Amino acid sequence: MCKHLLSFSALLVTVFLIPVATVSALELADPTRPPGAPATPAAQHKRLKPHWLLSSTLIANQRRHAIINGQIVTKGQYIQQAKVVSIHPNEVWLEYKQKRFRIRMLANKIKDFSNTADK
């Protein structure tokens, strides 16, 4: 009878303590992680907003193109999950997560060749 009691006790310990130990192990934080740092790289990736850099625009008779993050896009195309809504000489409007964003070129990068073409 004592042998069965020991087996039963071992079974109870296994059934009840192992899941508790597993749950408490999952809750432990990394002691070397700086305060405020995300727990995992995946969590950090979710926090980062996309970054769009407008390098150039080309506006001709029936064409409007922009270079955003080194990629040529036109109206209706997507760049980093953002839809290109409109392209203007020095700015582009994007729609991302149902919000509109305007990205602009730096003023010293804007070149106007329209005056030189007439001469």
N, C-alpha and C. Protein backbone atom coordinates (compact mmCIF):
# COMPACT_ATOMS: atom_id res chain seq x y z
N MET A 1 0.82 -1.19 0.00
CA MET A 1 0.00 0.00 0.00
C MET A 1 0.87 1.26 0.00
N CYS A 2 1.95 1.22 0.73
CA CYS A 2 2.86 2.35 0.80
C CYS A 2 3.49 2.61 -0.58
N LYS A 3 3.74 1.55 -1.34
CA LYS A 3 4.32 1.68 -2.67
C LYS A 3 3.34 2.41 -3.61
N HIS A 4 2.05 2.08 -3.48
CA HIS A 4 1.03 2.73 -4.30
C HIS A 4 0.85 4.19 -3.90
N LEU A 5 0.97 4.47 -2.63
CA LEU A 5 0.85 5.85 -2.15
C LEU A 5 1.98 6.71 -2.69
N LEU A 6 3.20 6.16 -2.72
CA LEU A 6 4.33 6.90 -3.26
C LEU A 6 4.17 7.13 -4.76
N SER A 7 3.68 6.14 -5.48
CA SER A 7 3.44 6.29 -6.92
C SER A 7 2.39 7.35 -7.18
N PHE A 8 1.32 7.31 -6.38
CA PHE A 8 0.24 8.28 -6.52
C PHE A 8 0.74 9.69 -6.20
N SER A 9 1.57 9.82 -5.18
CA SER A 9 2.13 11.12 -4.82
C SER A 9 3.03 11.66 -5.92
N ALA A 10 3.84 10.78 -6.49
CA ALA A 10 4.71 11.19 -7.60
C ALA A 10 3.88 11.64 -8.80
N LEU A 11 2.79 10.94 -9.05
CA LEU A 11 1.91 11.32 -10.16
C LEU A 11 1.28 12.69 -9.91
N LEU A 12 0.82 12.94 -8.69
CA LEU A 12 0.23 14.25 -8.36
C LEU A 12 1.25 15.38 -8.53
N VAL A 13 2.46 15.14 -8.06
CA VAL A 13 3.51 16.15 -8.19
C VAL A 13 3.77 16.44 -9.66
N THR A 14 3.83 15.39 -10.46
CA THR A 14 4.07 15.56 -11.89
C THR A 14 2.94 16.32 -12.56
N VAL A 15 1.72 15.97 -12.25
CA VAL A 15 0.56 16.59 -12.90
C VAL A 15 0.39 18.05 -12.50
N PHE A 16 0.64 18.38 -11.25
CA PHE A 16 0.36 19.73 -10.79
C PHE A 16 1.56 20.68 -10.79
N LEU A 17 2.74 20.20 -10.54
CA LEU A 17 3.88 21.10 -10.43
C LEU A 17 4.58 21.39 -11.76
N ILE A 18 4.61 20.47 -12.66
CA ILE A 18 5.29 20.72 -13.93
C ILE A 18 4.59 21.83 -14.73
N PRO A 19 3.25 21.81 -14.88
CA PRO A 19 2.62 22.93 -15.60
C PRO A 19 2.85 24.28 -14.91
N VAL A 20 2.84 24.31 -13.58
CA VAL A 20 3.07 25.55 -12.85
C VAL A 20 4.50 26.04 -13.09
N ALA A 21 5.46 25.14 -13.07
CA ALA A 21 6.84 25.51 -13.32
C ALA A 21 7.02 26.03 -14.73
N THR A 22 6.32 25.44 -15.69
CA THR A 22 6.41 25.89 -17.08
C THR A 22 5.85 27.29 -17.23
N VAL A 23 4.70 27.56 -16.63
CA VAL A 23 4.08 28.88 -16.72
C VAL A 23 4.97 29.93 -16.06
N SER A 24 5.52 29.62 -14.91
CA SER A 24 6.36 30.62 -14.24
C SER A 24 7.66 30.84 -15.00
N ALA A 25 8.14 29.82 -15.70
CA ALA A 25 9.35 30.00 -16.51
C ALA A 25 9.07 30.91 -17.70
N LEU A 26 7.88 30.85 -18.25
CA LEU A 26 7.53 31.70 -19.37
C LEU A 26 7.42 33.16 -18.96
N GLU A 27 7.11 33.42 -17.72
CA GLU A 27 6.91 34.79 -17.25
C GLU A 27 8.22 35.48 -16.87
N LEU A 28 9.31 34.74 -16.82
CA LEU A 28 10.58 35.35 -16.43
C LEU A 28 11.08 36.28 -17.53
N ALA A 29 11.58 37.40 -17.13
CA ALA A 29 12.12 38.37 -18.08
C ALA A 29 13.63 38.17 -18.20
N ASP A 30 14.17 38.61 -19.30
CA ASP A 30 15.61 38.56 -19.53
C ASP A 30 16.28 39.60 -18.64
N PRO A 31 17.12 39.20 -17.70
CA PRO A 31 17.73 40.18 -16.80
C PRO A 31 18.74 41.09 -17.47
N THR A 32 19.21 40.72 -18.66
CA THR A 32 20.21 41.55 -19.36
C THR A 32 19.58 42.55 -20.30
N ARG A 33 18.25 42.47 -20.50
CA ARG A 33 17.57 43.38 -21.42
C ARG A 33 17.44 44.76 -20.78
N PRO A 34 17.79 45.83 -21.48
CA PRO A 34 17.67 47.18 -20.92
C PRO A 34 16.21 47.53 -20.64
N PRO A 35 15.96 48.38 -19.66
CA PRO A 35 14.58 48.78 -19.37
C PRO A 35 13.94 49.46 -20.58
N GLY A 36 12.71 49.11 -20.85
CA GLY A 36 11.98 49.72 -21.95
C GLY A 36 12.21 49.07 -23.29
N ALA A 37 13.15 48.14 -23.38
CA ALA A 37 13.41 47.45 -24.65
C ALA A 37 12.33 46.40 -24.88
N PRO A 38 11.95 46.17 -26.13
CA PRO A 38 10.92 45.16 -26.40
C PRO A 38 11.42 43.77 -26.02
N ALA A 39 10.48 42.90 -25.68
CA ALA A 39 10.83 41.56 -25.22
C ALA A 39 11.45 40.72 -26.33
N THR A 40 10.98 40.87 -27.55
CA THR A 40 11.49 40.06 -28.65
C THR A 40 11.71 40.95 -29.87
N PRO A 41 12.53 40.51 -30.82
CA PRO A 41 12.68 41.28 -32.05
C PRO A 41 11.36 41.45 -32.80
N ALA A 42 10.48 40.45 -32.72
CA ALA A 42 9.18 40.56 -33.38
C ALA A 42 8.36 41.71 -32.77
N ALA A 43 8.41 41.85 -31.46
CA ALA A 43 7.69 42.95 -30.82
C ALA A 43 8.28 44.29 -31.23
N GLN A 44 9.59 44.34 -31.40
CA GLN A 44 10.23 45.58 -31.83
C GLN A 44 9.80 45.91 -33.25
N HIS A 45 9.72 44.92 -34.11
CA HIS A 45 9.34 45.14 -35.51
C HIS A 45 7.92 45.71 -35.59
N LYS A 46 7.01 45.26 -34.75
CA LYS A 46 5.63 45.75 -34.79
C LYS A 46 5.55 47.22 -34.39
N ARG A 47 6.46 47.68 -33.55
CA ARG A 47 6.41 49.07 -33.10
C ARG A 47 6.92 50.05 -34.15
N LEU A 48 7.82 49.60 -35.00
CA LEU A 48 8.43 50.50 -35.97
C LEU A 48 7.43 50.90 -37.04
N LYS A 49 7.37 52.18 -37.34
CA LYS A 49 6.52 52.66 -38.42
C LYS A 49 7.34 52.61 -39.71
N PRO A 50 6.67 52.40 -40.82
CA PRO A 50 7.40 52.43 -42.08
C PRO A 50 8.01 53.82 -42.30
N HIS A 51 9.10 53.84 -43.00
CA HIS A 51 9.78 55.10 -43.28
C HIS A 51 9.82 55.28 -44.79
N TRP A 52 9.33 56.41 -45.25
CA TRP A 52 9.32 56.69 -46.67
C TRP A 52 10.19 57.91 -46.95
N LEU A 53 11.06 57.77 -47.93
CA LEU A 53 11.94 58.85 -48.33
C LEU A 53 11.69 59.15 -49.80
N LEU A 54 11.20 60.34 -50.08
CA LEU A 54 10.92 60.77 -51.45
C LEU A 54 12.19 61.36 -52.03
N SER A 55 12.71 60.72 -53.08
CA SER A 55 13.95 61.18 -53.71
C SER A 55 13.69 62.06 -54.91
N SER A 56 12.65 61.71 -55.70
CA SER A 56 12.43 62.42 -56.96
C SER A 56 11.00 62.23 -57.43
N THR A 57 10.55 63.17 -58.24
CA THR A 57 9.26 63.03 -58.92
C THR A 57 9.46 63.38 -60.38
N LEU A 58 8.67 62.75 -61.23
CA LEU A 58 8.68 63.05 -62.66
C LEU A 58 7.24 63.28 -63.06
N ILE A 59 6.97 64.50 -63.53
CA ILE A 59 5.62 64.83 -63.98
C ILE A 59 5.72 65.28 -65.42
N ALA A 60 5.10 64.51 -66.31
CA ALA A 60 5.08 64.83 -67.74
C ALA A 60 3.62 64.88 -68.18
N ASN A 61 3.40 64.95 -69.49
CA ASN A 61 2.04 65.10 -70.02
C ASN A 61 1.05 64.10 -69.41
N GLN A 62 1.29 62.84 -69.59
CA GLN A 62 0.36 61.82 -69.09
C GLN A 62 1.00 60.91 -68.05
N ARG A 63 2.15 61.30 -67.52
CA ARG A 63 2.87 60.44 -66.58
C ARG A 63 3.17 61.18 -65.29
N ARG A 64 3.06 60.44 -64.21
CA ARG A 64 3.47 60.94 -62.90
C ARG A 64 4.14 59.78 -62.18
N HIS A 65 5.42 59.93 -61.93
CA HIS A 65 6.19 58.90 -61.23
C HIS A 65 6.91 59.54 -60.05
N ALA A 66 7.18 58.71 -59.05
CA ALA A 66 7.96 59.16 -57.90
C ALA A 66 8.94 58.06 -57.54
N ILE A 67 10.05 58.45 -56.97
CA ILE A 67 11.00 57.49 -56.44
C ILE A 67 10.95 57.60 -54.92
N ILE A 68 10.44 56.54 -54.31
CA ILE A 68 10.31 56.48 -52.85
C ILE A 68 11.13 55.29 -52.38
N ASN A 69 12.04 55.53 -51.47
CA ASN A 69 12.93 54.48 -50.95
C ASN A 69 13.64 53.75 -52.09
N GLY A 70 13.98 54.47 -53.14
CA GLY A 70 14.71 53.88 -54.25
C GLY A 70 13.86 53.09 -55.23
N GLN A 71 12.56 53.10 -55.05
CA GLN A 71 11.66 52.34 -55.91
C GLN A 71 10.77 53.30 -56.70
N ILE A 72 10.64 53.06 -58.02
CA ILE A 72 9.78 53.90 -58.85
C ILE A 72 8.34 53.45 -58.67
N VAL A 73 7.47 54.41 -58.34
CA VAL A 73 6.05 54.10 -58.13
C VAL A 73 5.19 55.11 -58.88
N THR A 74 3.96 54.69 -59.17
CA THR A 74 2.97 55.57 -59.77
C THR A 74 1.72 55.53 -58.89
N LYS A 75 0.77 56.37 -59.23
CA LYS A 75 -0.47 56.44 -58.46
C LYS A 75 -1.15 55.07 -58.46
N GLY A 76 -1.58 54.64 -57.28
CA GLY A 76 -2.26 53.36 -57.13
C GLY A 76 -1.36 52.21 -56.71
N GLN A 77 -0.05 52.38 -56.85
CA GLN A 77 0.88 51.33 -56.43
C GLN A 77 1.14 51.43 -54.93
N TYR A 78 1.75 50.37 -54.39
CA TYR A 78 2.05 50.30 -52.96
C TYR A 78 3.54 50.32 -52.72
N ILE A 79 3.92 50.99 -51.63
CA ILE A 79 5.31 51.00 -51.16
C ILE A 79 5.25 50.81 -49.64
N GLN A 80 5.82 49.74 -49.15
CA GLN A 80 5.78 49.39 -47.72
C GLN A 80 4.36 49.47 -47.17
N GLN A 81 3.44 48.80 -47.80
CA GLN A 81 2.02 48.71 -47.41
C GLN A 81 1.27 50.03 -47.47
N ALA A 82 1.86 51.05 -48.06
CA ALA A 82 1.19 52.34 -48.22
C ALA A 82 0.83 52.52 -49.69
N LYS A 83 -0.37 52.96 -49.94
CA LYS A 83 -0.84 53.19 -51.31
C LYS A 83 -0.50 54.61 -51.74
N VAL A 84 0.04 54.75 -52.94
CA VAL A 84 0.33 56.07 -53.49
C VAL A 84 -0.98 56.67 -53.97
N VAL A 85 -1.38 57.78 -53.35
CA VAL A 85 -2.66 58.43 -53.66
C VAL A 85 -2.49 59.49 -54.73
N SER A 86 -1.46 60.32 -54.61
CA SER A 86 -1.22 61.37 -55.61
C SER A 86 0.25 61.76 -55.61
N ILE A 87 0.70 62.23 -56.78
CA ILE A 87 2.08 62.65 -56.95
C ILE A 87 2.09 64.08 -57.46
N HIS A 88 2.82 64.95 -56.78
CA HIS A 88 2.94 66.36 -57.13
C HIS A 88 4.43 66.68 -57.31
N PRO A 89 4.77 67.88 -57.81
CA PRO A 89 6.18 68.19 -58.09
C PRO A 89 7.14 67.98 -56.92
N ASN A 90 6.74 68.31 -55.70
CA ASN A 90 7.68 68.16 -54.59
C ASN A 90 7.13 67.35 -53.42
N GLU A 91 6.01 66.68 -53.65
CA GLU A 91 5.43 65.88 -52.57
C GLU A 91 4.59 64.74 -53.12
N VAL A 92 4.40 63.73 -52.28
CA VAL A 92 3.57 62.58 -52.61
C VAL A 92 2.67 62.30 -51.42
N TRP A 93 1.41 62.00 -51.72
CA TRP A 93 0.46 61.63 -50.67
C TRP A 93 0.31 60.12 -50.66
N LEU A 94 0.43 59.54 -49.46
CA LEU A 94 0.30 58.10 -49.27
C LEU A 94 -0.86 57.82 -48.32
N GLU A 95 -1.46 56.65 -48.48
CA GLU A 95 -2.49 56.20 -47.54
C GLU A 95 -1.98 54.93 -46.88
N TYR A 96 -1.89 54.98 -45.55
CA TYR A 96 -1.38 53.85 -44.77
C TYR A 96 -2.27 53.66 -43.55
N LYS A 97 -2.82 52.47 -43.40
CA LYS A 97 -3.73 52.15 -42.29
C LYS A 97 -4.85 53.17 -42.17
N GLN A 98 -5.47 53.46 -43.29
CA GLN A 98 -6.62 54.36 -43.40
C GLN A 98 -6.31 55.80 -42.98
N LYS A 99 -5.05 56.18 -43.01
CA LYS A 99 -4.64 57.56 -42.73
C LYS A 99 -3.81 58.05 -43.90
N ARG A 100 -3.87 59.33 -44.17
CA ARG A 100 -3.10 59.92 -45.27
C ARG A 100 -1.86 60.61 -44.73
N PHE A 101 -0.77 60.42 -45.46
CA PHE A 101 0.51 61.01 -45.10
C PHE A 101 1.08 61.73 -46.30
N ARG A 102 1.71 62.86 -46.05
CA ARG A 102 2.39 63.60 -47.11
C ARG A 102 3.89 63.49 -46.87
N ILE A 103 4.59 63.07 -47.92
CA ILE A 103 6.05 63.07 -47.83
C ILE A 103 6.56 64.08 -48.83
N ARG A 104 7.59 64.81 -48.45
CA ARG A 104 8.11 65.90 -49.28
C ARG A 104 9.59 65.70 -49.55
N MET A 105 10.01 66.27 -50.65
CA MET A 105 11.44 66.32 -50.95
C MET A 105 12.03 67.51 -50.23
N LEU A 106 13.31 67.43 -49.97
CA LEU A 106 13.99 68.59 -49.40
C LEU A 106 14.06 69.70 -50.43
N ALA A 107 13.95 70.93 -50.01
CA ALA A 107 13.88 72.07 -50.92
C ALA A 107 15.10 72.17 -51.83
N ASN A 108 16.27 71.82 -51.33
CA ASN A 108 17.46 71.96 -52.17
C ASN A 108 17.57 70.86 -53.23
N LYS A 109 16.71 69.86 -53.20
CA LYS A 109 16.74 68.80 -54.20
C LYS A 109 15.75 69.03 -55.34
N ILE A 110 14.91 70.04 -55.24
CA ILE A 110 13.90 70.29 -56.26
C ILE A 110 14.53 71.07 -57.40
N LYS A 111 14.42 70.54 -58.60
CA LYS A 111 14.97 71.21 -59.78
C LYS A 111 13.83 71.45 -60.75
N ASP A 112 13.80 72.62 -61.31
CA ASP A 112 12.76 72.98 -62.27
C ASP A 112 13.42 73.23 -63.61
N PHE A 113 13.16 72.34 -64.55
CA PHE A 113 13.74 72.47 -65.89
C PHE A 113 12.76 73.09 -66.88
N SER A 114 11.61 73.50 -66.42
CA SER A 114 10.59 74.03 -67.35
C SER A 114 11.05 75.33 -68.01
N ASN A 115 11.77 76.20 -67.32
CA ASN A 115 12.24 77.46 -67.90
C ASN A 115 13.32 77.25 -68.95
N THR A 116 14.18 76.29 -68.74
CA THR A 116 15.28 76.06 -69.69
C THR A 116 14.79 75.36 -70.95
N ALA A 117 13.69 74.66 -70.89
CA ALA A 117 13.18 73.94 -72.07
C ALA A 117 12.62 74.90 -73.11
N ASP A 118 12.12 76.06 -72.67
CA ASP A 118 11.51 77.02 -73.60
C ASP A 118 12.56 77.80 -74.39
N LYS A 119 13.78 77.86 -73.95
CA LYS A 119 14.80 78.69 -74.59
C LYS A 119 15.50 77.97 -75.70
